[in-house]
Amino acid sequence: MPSGGPHDEATDTCAICDRAIEGAPLTDSETGRAFHPECVVDRLPADAAIRLLGVLALVALPTVVVWAA
């Protein structure tokens, strides 16, 4: 295999943006996936908003069902 091939240098790719990770990645110990710290920070507010909506649905849905009955 000529030098410069795909297996010459083992690099991790970010699971969010699919770019090569240079420097220290954040890794998920359960799945082994690696992430850029910047990608995680950029995605954090959206993930928090979705979780908050899920919690509100878990609290509000039973209340609405009991109230409507």
PDB file of N, CA and C in Angstrom:
ATOM      1  N   MET A   1       0.857  -1.172   0.000  1.00  0.00           N
ATOM      2  CA  MET A   1       0.000   0.000   0.000  1.00  0.00           C
ATOM      3  C   MET A   1       0.900   1.231   0.000  1.00  0.00           C
ATOM      4  N   PRO A   2       0.659   2.201  -0.870  1.00  0.00           N
ATOM      5  CA  PRO A   2       1.490   3.395  -0.906  1.00  0.00           C
ATOM      6  C   PRO A   2       1.292   4.241   0.337  1.00  0.00           C
ATOM      7  N   SER A   3       2.354   4.989   0.677  1.00  0.00           N
ATOM      8  CA  SER A   3       2.232   5.857   1.848  1.00  0.00           C
ATOM      9  C   SER A   3       1.198   6.931   1.593  1.00  0.00           C
ATOM     10  N   GLY A   4       0.596   7.405   2.646  1.00  0.00           N
ATOM     11  CA  GLY A   4      -0.464   8.402   2.511  1.00  0.00           C
ATOM     12  C   GLY A   4      -1.827   7.773   2.308  1.00  0.00           C
ATOM     13  N   GLY A   5      -1.898   6.452   2.436  1.00  0.00           N
ATOM     14  CA  GLY A   5      -3.166   5.754   2.285  1.00  0.00           C
ATOM     15  C   GLY A   5      -4.062   5.983   3.491  1.00  0.00           C
ATOM     16  N   PRO A   6      -5.273   5.494   3.436  1.00  0.00           N
ATOM     17  CA  PRO A   6      -6.230   5.759   4.505  1.00  0.00           C
ATOM     18  C   PRO A   6      -5.871   5.118   5.837  1.00  0.00           C
ATOM     19  N   HIS A   7      -5.040   4.089   5.842  1.00  0.00           N
ATOM     20  CA  HIS A   7      -4.745   3.399   7.095  1.00  0.00           C
ATOM     21  C   HIS A   7      -3.379   3.769   7.669  1.00  0.00           C
ATOM     22  N   ASP A   8      -2.697   4.758   7.083  1.00  0.00           N
ATOM     23  CA  ASP A   8      -1.391   5.153   7.591  1.00  0.00           C
ATOM     24  C   ASP A   8      -1.481   5.835   8.942  1.00  0.00           C
ATOM     25  N   GLU A   9      -2.491   6.643   9.136  1.00  0.00           N
ATOM     26  CA  GLU A   9      -2.622   7.398  10.373  1.00  0.00           C
ATOM     27  C   GLU A   9      -4.009   7.161  10.944  1.00  0.00           C
ATOM     28  N   ALA A  10      -4.073   6.629  12.153  1.00  0.00           N
ATOM     29  CA  ALA A  10      -5.368   6.364  12.782  1.00  0.00           C
ATOM     30  C   ALA A  10      -5.892   7.662  13.393  1.00  0.00           C
ATOM     31  N   THR A  11      -6.949   8.187  12.832  1.00  0.00           N
ATOM     32  CA  THR A  11      -7.560   9.393  13.380  1.00  0.00           C
ATOM     33  C   THR A  11      -9.015   9.102  13.702  1.00  0.00           C
ATOM     34  N   ASP A  12      -9.475   9.733  14.746  1.00  0.00           N
ATOM     35  CA  ASP A  12     -10.886   9.631  15.094  1.00  0.00           C
ATOM     36  C   ASP A  12     -11.647  10.683  14.314  1.00  0.00           C
ATOM     37  N   THR A  13     -12.893  10.377  13.993  1.00  0.00           N
ATOM     38  CA  THR A  13     -13.765  11.365  13.365  1.00  0.00           C
ATOM     39  C   THR A  13     -14.896  11.676  14.330  1.00  0.00           C
ATOM     40  N   CYS A  14     -15.328  12.916  14.313  1.00  0.00           N
ATOM     41  CA  CYS A  14     -16.397  13.372  15.191  1.00  0.00           C
ATOM     42  C   CYS A  14     -17.712  12.733  14.759  1.00  0.00           C
ATOM     43  N   ALA A  15     -18.462  12.211  15.706  1.00  0.00           N
ATOM     44  CA  ALA A  15     -19.746  11.580  15.404  1.00  0.00           C
ATOM     45  C   ALA A  15     -20.820  12.609  15.067  1.00  0.00           C
ATOM     46  N   ILE A  16     -20.580  13.882  15.360  1.00  0.00           N
ATOM     47  CA  ILE A  16     -21.564  14.923  15.068  1.00  0.00           C
ATOM     48  C   ILE A  16     -21.315  15.543  13.693  1.00  0.00           C
ATOM     49  N   CYS A  17     -20.059  15.948  13.430  1.00  0.00           N
ATOM     50  CA  CYS A  17     -19.779  16.680  12.185  1.00  0.00           C
ATOM     51  C   CYS A  17     -18.986  15.864  11.172  1.00  0.00           C
ATOM     52  N   ASP A  18     -18.517  14.680  11.515  1.00  0.00           N
ATOM     53  CA  ASP A  18     -17.759  13.775  10.639  1.00  0.00           C
ATOM     54  C   ASP A  18     -16.424  14.333  10.161  1.00  0.00           C
ATOM     55  N   ARG A  19     -15.865  15.317  10.855  1.00  0.00           N
ATOM     56  CA  ARG A  19     -14.521  15.813  10.538  1.00  0.00           C
ATOM     57  C   ARG A  19     -13.510  15.111  11.429  1.00  0.00           C
ATOM     58  N   ALA A  20     -12.269  15.071  10.987  1.00  0.00           N
ATOM     59  CA  ALA A  20     -11.201  14.457  11.779  1.00  0.00           C
ATOM     60  C   ALA A  20     -10.979  15.253  13.057  1.00  0.00           C
ATOM     61  N   ILE A  21     -10.679  14.541  14.130  1.00  0.00           N
ATOM     62  CA  ILE A  21     -10.449  15.181  15.421  1.00  0.00           C
ATOM     63  C   ILE A  21      -8.948  15.320  15.633  1.00  0.00           C
ATOM     64  N   GLU A  22      -8.508  16.546  15.794  1.00  0.00           N
ATOM     65  CA  GLU A  22      -7.117  16.815  16.138  1.00  0.00           C
ATOM     66  C   GLU A  22      -7.109  17.307  17.578  1.00  0.00           C
ATOM     67  N   GLY A  23      -6.263  16.753  18.385  1.00  0.00           N
ATOM     68  CA  GLY A  23      -6.245  17.121  19.795  1.00  0.00           C
ATOM     69  C   GLY A  23      -7.028  16.113  20.611  1.00  0.00           C
ATOM     70  N   ALA A  24      -7.426  16.540  21.784  1.00  0.00           N
ATOM     71  CA  ALA A  24      -8.108  15.644  22.720  1.00  0.00           C
ATOM     72  C   ALA A  24      -9.604  15.590  22.412  1.00  0.00           C
ATOM     73  N   PRO A  25     -10.123  14.407  22.070  1.00  0.00           N
ATOM     74  CA  PRO A  25     -11.560  14.275  21.825  1.00  0.00           C
ATOM     75  C   PRO A  25     -12.315  13.957  23.110  1.00  0.00           C
ATOM     76  N   LEU A  26     -13.606  14.169  23.086  1.00  0.00           N
ATOM     77  CA  LEU A  26     -14.494  13.656  24.128  1.00  0.00           C
ATOM     78  C   LEU A  26     -15.007  12.317  23.615  1.00  0.00           C
ATOM     79  N   THR A  27     -14.953  11.299  24.444  1.00  0.00           N
ATOM     80  CA  THR A  27     -15.398   9.980  23.998  1.00  0.00           C
ATOM     81  C   THR A  27     -16.522   9.469  24.880  1.00  0.00           C
ATOM     82  N   ASP A  28     -17.410   8.717  24.276  1.00  0.00           N
ATOM     83  CA  ASP A  28     -18.493   8.061  24.995  1.00  0.00           C
ATOM     84  C   ASP A  28     -18.003   6.664  25.359  1.00  0.00           C
ATOM     85  N   SER A  29     -17.916   6.369  26.633  1.00  0.00           N
ATOM     86  CA  SER A  29     -17.358   5.091  27.068  1.00  0.00           C
ATOM     87  C   SER A  29     -18.244   3.906  26.686  1.00  0.00           C
ATOM     88  N   GLU A  30     -19.535   4.116  26.549  1.00  0.00           N
ATOM     89  CA  GLU A  30     -20.439   3.006  26.205  1.00  0.00           C
ATOM     90  C   GLU A  30     -20.364   2.645  24.727  1.00  0.00           C
ATOM     91  N   THR A  31     -20.319   3.658  23.845  1.00  0.00           N
ATOM     92  CA  THR A  31     -20.333   3.394  22.410  1.00  0.00           C
ATOM     93  C   THR A  31     -18.961   3.503  21.772  1.00  0.00           C
ATOM     94  N   GLY A  32     -18.021   4.196  22.420  1.00  0.00           N
ATOM     95  CA  GLY A  32     -16.699   4.385  21.853  1.00  0.00           C
ATOM     96  C   GLY A  32     -16.637   5.494  20.815  1.00  0.00           C
ATOM     97  N   ARG A  33     -17.733   6.225  20.619  1.00  0.00           N
ATOM     98  CA  ARG A  33     -17.736   7.314  19.641  1.00  0.00           C
ATOM     99  C   ARG A  33     -16.973   8.514  20.193  1.00  0.00           C
ATOM    100  N   ALA A  34     -16.358   9.280  19.298  1.00  0.00           N
ATOM    101  CA  ALA A  34     -15.562  10.442  19.695  1.00  0.00           C
ATOM    102  C   ALA A  34     -16.225  11.717  19.169  1.00  0.00           C
ATOM    103  N   PHE A  35     -16.025  12.818  19.892  1.00  0.00           N
ATOM    104  CA  PHE A  35     -16.648  14.093  19.552  1.00  0.00           C
ATOM    105  C   PHE A  35     -15.649  15.226  19.736  1.00  0.00           C
ATOM    106  N   HIS A  36     -15.790  16.289  18.917  1.00  0.00           N
ATOM    107  CA  HIS A  36     -15.070  17.536  19.176  1.00  0.00           C
ATOM    108  C   HIS A  36     -15.717  18.193  20.397  1.00  0.00           C
ATOM    109  N   PRO A  37     -14.944  18.754  21.310  1.00  0.00           N
ATOM    110  CA  PRO A  37     -15.556  19.485  22.422  1.00  0.00           C
ATOM    111  C   PRO A  37     -16.435  20.644  21.933  1.00  0.00           C
ATOM    112  N   GLU A  38     -16.025  21.297  20.835  1.00  0.00           N
ATOM    113  CA  GLU A  38     -16.814  22.408  20.302  1.00  0.00           C
ATOM    114  C   GLU A  38     -18.178  21.940  19.792  1.00  0.00           C
ATOM    115  N   CYS A  39     -18.226  20.784  19.173  1.00  0.00           N
ATOM    116  CA  CYS A  39     -19.499  20.256  18.663  1.00  0.00           C
ATOM    117  C   CYS A  39     -20.453  19.941  19.814  1.00  0.00           C
ATOM    118  N   VAL A  40     -19.912  19.388  20.887  1.00  0.00           N
ATOM    119  CA  VAL A  40     -20.742  19.064  22.056  1.00  0.00           C
ATOM    120  C   VAL A  40     -21.308  20.338  22.671  1.00  0.00           C
ATOM    121  N   VAL A  41     -20.467  21.367  22.809  1.00  0.00           N
ATOM    122  CA  VAL A  41     -20.912  22.628  23.402  1.00  0.00           C
ATOM    123  C   VAL A  41     -21.941  23.307  22.516  1.00  0.00           C
ATOM    124  N   ASP A  42     -21.752  23.260  21.194  1.00  0.00           N
ATOM    125  CA  ASP A  42     -22.718  23.875  20.282  1.00  0.00           C
ATOM    126  C   ASP A  42     -24.069  23.160  20.321  1.00  0.00           C
ATOM    127  N   ARG A  43     -24.048  21.864  20.533  1.00  0.00           N
ATOM    128  CA  ARG A  43     -25.279  21.071  20.501  1.00  0.00           C
ATOM    129  C   ARG A  43     -26.002  21.021  21.844  1.00  0.00           C
ATOM    130  N   LEU A  44     -25.331  21.386  22.922  1.00  0.00           N
ATOM    131  CA  LEU A  44     -25.882  21.271  24.268  1.00  0.00           C
ATOM    132  C   LEU A  44     -27.197  22.020  24.480  1.00  0.00           C
ATOM    133  N   PRO A  45     -27.350  23.288  24.053  1.00  0.00           N
ATOM    134  CA  PRO A  45     -28.630  23.970  24.288  1.00  0.00           C
ATOM    135  C   PRO A  45     -29.822  23.288  23.603  1.00  0.00           C
ATOM    136  N   ALA A  46     -29.628  22.798  22.403  1.00  0.00           N
ATOM    137  CA  ALA A  46     -30.729  22.122  21.708  1.00  0.00           C
ATOM    138  C   ALA A  46     -31.097  20.818  22.412  1.00  0.00           C
ATOM    139  N   ASP A  47     -30.091  20.068  22.845  1.00  0.00           N
ATOM    140  CA  ASP A  47     -30.370  18.824  23.562  1.00  0.00           C
ATOM    141  C   ASP A  47     -31.078  19.090  24.883  1.00  0.00           C
ATOM    142  N   ALA A  48     -30.683  20.151  25.579  1.00  0.00           N
ATOM    143  CA  ALA A  48     -31.326  20.496  26.850  1.00  0.00           C
ATOM    144  C   ALA A  48     -32.781  20.905  26.629  1.00  0.00           C
ATOM    145  N   ALA A  49     -33.052  21.634  25.560  1.00  0.00           N
ATOM    146  CA  ALA A  49     -34.422  22.062  25.264  1.00  0.00           C
ATOM    147  C   ALA A  49     -35.314  20.850  24.971  1.00  0.00           C
ATOM    148  N   ILE A  50     -34.813  19.884  24.222  1.00  0.00           N
ATOM    149  CA  ILE A  50     -35.591  18.681  23.912  1.00  0.00           C
ATOM    150  C   ILE A  50     -35.876  17.888  25.191  1.00  0.00           C
ATOM    151  N   ARG A  51     -34.890  17.762  26.053  1.00  0.00           N
ATOM    152  CA  ARG A  51     -35.111  17.041  27.321  1.00  0.00           C
ATOM    153  C   ARG A  51     -36.126  17.771  28.196  1.00  0.00           C
ATOM    154  N   LEU A  52     -36.063  19.096  28.228  1.00  0.00           N
ATOM    155  CA  LEU A  52     -37.011  19.875  29.013  1.00  0.00           C
ATOM    156  C   LEU A  52     -38.431  19.681  28.487  1.00  0.00           C
ATOM    157  N   LEU A  53     -38.598  19.681  27.164  1.00  0.00           N
ATOM    158  CA  LEU A  53     -39.919  19.436  26.593  1.00  0.00           C
ATOM    159  C   LEU A  53     -40.428  18.038  26.941  1.00  0.00           C
ATOM    160  N   GLY A  54     -39.541  17.066  26.961  1.00  0.00           N
ATOM    161  CA  GLY A  54     -39.922  15.707  27.336  1.00  0.00           C
ATOM    162  C   GLY A  54     -40.384  15.622  28.782  1.00  0.00           C
ATOM    163  N   VAL A  55     -39.670  16.284  29.675  1.00  0.00           N
ATOM    164  CA  VAL A  55     -40.061  16.296  31.091  1.00  0.00           C
ATOM    165  C   VAL A  55     -41.392  17.002  31.265  1.00  0.00           C
ATOM    166  N   LEU A  56     -41.578  18.121  30.586  1.00  0.00           N
ATOM    167  CA  LEU A  56     -42.854  18.834  30.671  1.00  0.00           C
ATOM    168  C   LEU A  56     -44.007  17.972  30.162  1.00  0.00           C
ATOM    169  N   ALA A  57     -43.770  17.220  29.093  1.00  0.00           N
ATOM    170  CA  ALA A  57     -44.808  16.332  28.577  1.00  0.00           C
ATOM    171  C   ALA A  57     -45.135  15.237  29.583  1.00  0.00           C
ATOM    172  N   LEU A  58     -44.116  14.691  30.255  1.00  0.00           N
ATOM    173  CA  LEU A  58     -44.376  13.653  31.254  1.00  0.00           C
ATOM    174  C   LEU A  58     -45.167  14.185  32.441  1.00  0.00           C
ATOM    175  N   VAL A  59     -44.987  15.455  32.775  1.00  0.00           N
ATOM    176  CA  VAL A  59     -45.709  16.048  33.895  1.00  0.00           C
ATOM    177  C   VAL A  59     -47.086  16.522  33.450  1.00  0.00           C
ATOM    178  N   ALA A  60     -47.179  17.162  32.305  1.00  0.00           N
ATOM    179  CA  ALA A  60     -48.421  17.786  31.860  1.00  0.00           C
ATOM    180  C   ALA A  60     -49.437  16.772  31.321  1.00  0.00           C
ATOM    181  N   LEU A  61     -48.997  15.756  30.628  1.00  0.00           N
ATOM    182  CA  LEU A  61     -49.930  14.818  29.998  1.00  0.00           C
ATOM    183  C   LEU A  61     -50.831  14.115  31.016  1.00  0.00           C
ATOM    184  N   PRO A  62     -50.313  13.546  32.081  1.00  0.00           N
ATOM    185  CA  PRO A  62     -51.220  12.934  33.059  1.00  0.00           C
ATOM    186  C   PRO A  62     -52.163  13.956  33.701  1.00  0.00           C
ATOM    187  N   THR A  63     -51.683  15.168  33.926  1.00  0.00           N
ATOM    188  CA  THR A  63     -52.530  16.214  34.504  1.00  0.00           C
ATOM    189  C   THR A  63     -53.680  16.558  33.570  1.00  0.00           C
ATOM    190  N   VAL A  64     -53.394  16.687  32.290  1.00  0.00           N
ATOM    191  CA  VAL A  64     -54.436  17.025  31.311  1.00  0.00           C
ATOM    192  C   VAL A  64     -55.440  15.890  31.187  1.00  0.00           C
ATOM    193  N   VAL A  65     -54.973  14.650  31.201  1.00  0.00           N
ATOM    194  CA  VAL A  65     -55.879  13.512  31.083  1.00  0.00           C
ATOM    195  C   VAL A  65     -56.795  13.416  32.280  1.00  0.00           C
ATOM    196  N   VAL A  66     -56.268  13.599  33.490  1.00  0.00           N
ATOM    197  CA  VAL A  66     -57.114  13.552  34.691  1.00  0.00           C
ATOM    198  C   VAL A  66     -58.070  14.730  34.714  1.00  0.00           C
ATOM    199  N   TRP A  67     -57.611  15.898  34.314  1.00  0.00           N
ATOM    200  CA  TRP A  67     -58.447  17.089  34.309  1.00  0.00           C
ATOM    201  C   TRP A  67     -59.599  16.972  33.297  1.00  0.00           C
ATOM    202  N   ALA A  68     -59.333  16.345  32.162  1.00  0.00           N
ATOM    203  CA  ALA A  68     -60.338  16.221  31.101  1.00  0.00           C
ATOM    204  C   ALA A  68     -61.386  15.157  31.449  1.00  0.00           C
ATOM    205  N   ALA A  69     -61.071  14.242  32.332  1.00  0.00           N
ATOM    206  CA  ALA A  69     -62.004  13.155  32.629  1.00  0.00           C
ATOM    207  C   ALA A  69     -63.124  13.588  33.537  1.00  0.00           C
TER     208      ALA A  69
END
